[in-house]
Amino acid sequence: MKFLEKLTSKKGQVSMEIGILVAAAVAVAAIAAYFYAKNVKDSQANVADAANSTANALADIANDSTTGIKSLNITGQ
């Protein structure tokens, strides 16, 4: 209930407390934005590595399949 008494009081301390509260909210938002941007950057690198390894694996499979076409006997002889 002390919080409500401070909000309804006519003292200048209320505006200072609200200012501190807003500053704390801005600080928390800035910290959260930093970690969000950092994680996005890290995940971008991980996704690129995964995509490259998948593309290389598919290229190897395609290469193995196309080299096997030479040994096919279509004429039946």
Protein backbone atom coordinates (compact mmCIF):
# COMPACT_ATOMS: atom_id res chain seq x y z
CA MET A 1 0.00 0.00 0.00
CA LYS A 2 2.99 2.29 0.37
CA PHE A 3 3.28 2.31 -3.40
CA LEU A 4 -0.23 3.72 -3.78
CA GLU A 5 0.46 6.36 -1.15
CA LYS A 6 3.55 7.47 -3.05
CA LEU A 7 1.66 7.70 -6.32
CA THR A 8 -1.06 9.83 -4.79
CA SER A 9 1.31 12.11 -2.88
CA LYS A 10 2.13 15.57 -4.18
CA LYS A 11 5.86 15.30 -3.65
CA GLY A 12 8.46 15.53 -6.38
CA GLN A 13 9.85 12.18 -5.35
CA VAL A 14 7.13 10.42 -7.35
CA SER A 15 8.41 11.71 -10.65
CA MET A 16 11.94 10.64 -9.71
CA GLU A 17 10.72 7.14 -8.87
CA ILE A 18 8.81 6.89 -12.13
CA GLY A 19 11.91 8.10 -13.97
CA ILE A 20 14.01 5.41 -12.32
CA LEU A 21 11.39 2.81 -13.22
CA VAL A 22 11.37 3.92 -16.87
CA ALA A 23 15.20 3.93 -16.95
CA ALA A 24 15.26 0.39 -15.57
CA ALA A 25 12.74 -0.73 -18.20
CA VAL A 26 14.85 0.83 -20.96
CA ALA A 27 17.99 -0.86 -19.60
CA VAL A 28 16.29 -4.26 -19.53
CA ALA A 29 15.01 -3.76 -23.08
CA ALA A 30 18.49 -2.80 -24.30
CA ILE A 31 20.07 -5.86 -22.69
CA ALA A 32 17.40 -8.13 -24.17
CA ALA A 33 17.90 -6.59 -27.62
CA TYR A 34 21.66 -7.14 -27.39
CA PHE A 35 21.29 -10.83 -26.55
CA TYR A 36 18.61 -11.26 -29.23
CA ALA A 37 20.88 -9.75 -31.90
CA LYS A 38 23.83 -11.84 -30.70
CA ASN A 39 21.81 -15.06 -30.88
CA VAL A 40 20.50 -14.19 -34.35
CA LYS A 41 24.06 -13.62 -35.55
CA ASP A 42 25.26 -16.92 -34.05
CA SER A 43 22.36 -18.88 -35.48
CA GLN A 44 23.01 -17.40 -38.92
CA ALA A 45 26.51 -18.88 -38.89
CA ASN A 46 25.18 -22.25 -37.71
CA VAL A 47 22.51 -22.30 -40.41
CA ALA A 48 25.07 -21.49 -43.10
CA ASP A 49 27.31 -24.37 -41.99
CA ALA A 50 24.37 -26.79 -41.90
CA ALA A 51 23.18 -25.70 -45.34
CA ASN A 52 26.65 -26.11 -46.82
CA SER A 53 27.09 -29.58 -45.36
CA THR A 54 23.66 -30.64 -46.63
CA ALA A 55 24.38 -29.30 -50.10
CA ASN A 56 27.74 -31.10 -50.15
CA ALA A 57 26.12 -34.36 -49.05
CA LEU A 58 23.46 -34.07 -51.77
CA ALA A 59 26.13 -33.27 -54.37
CA ASP A 60 28.08 -36.38 -53.33
CA ILE A 61 24.95 -38.53 -53.65
CA ALA A 62 24.19 -37.07 -57.08
CA ASN A 63 27.78 -37.66 -58.19
CA ASP A 64 27.69 -41.27 -57.01
CA SER A 65 24.38 -41.83 -58.80
CA THR A 66 25.57 -40.35 -62.10
CA THR A 67 28.78 -42.38 -62.10
CA GLY A 68 26.66 -45.51 -61.73
CA ILE A 69 24.78 -44.70 -64.95
CA LYS A 70 27.84 -45.69 -67.02
CA SER A 71 27.55 -49.28 -65.90
CA LEU A 72 23.90 -49.64 -66.95
CA ASN A 73 23.27 -52.06 -69.77
CA ILE A 74 20.26 -50.91 -71.79
CA THR A 75 20.66 -53.24 -74.80
CA GLY A 76 20.32 -56.38 -72.73
CA GLN A 77 23.55 -57.85 -74.01
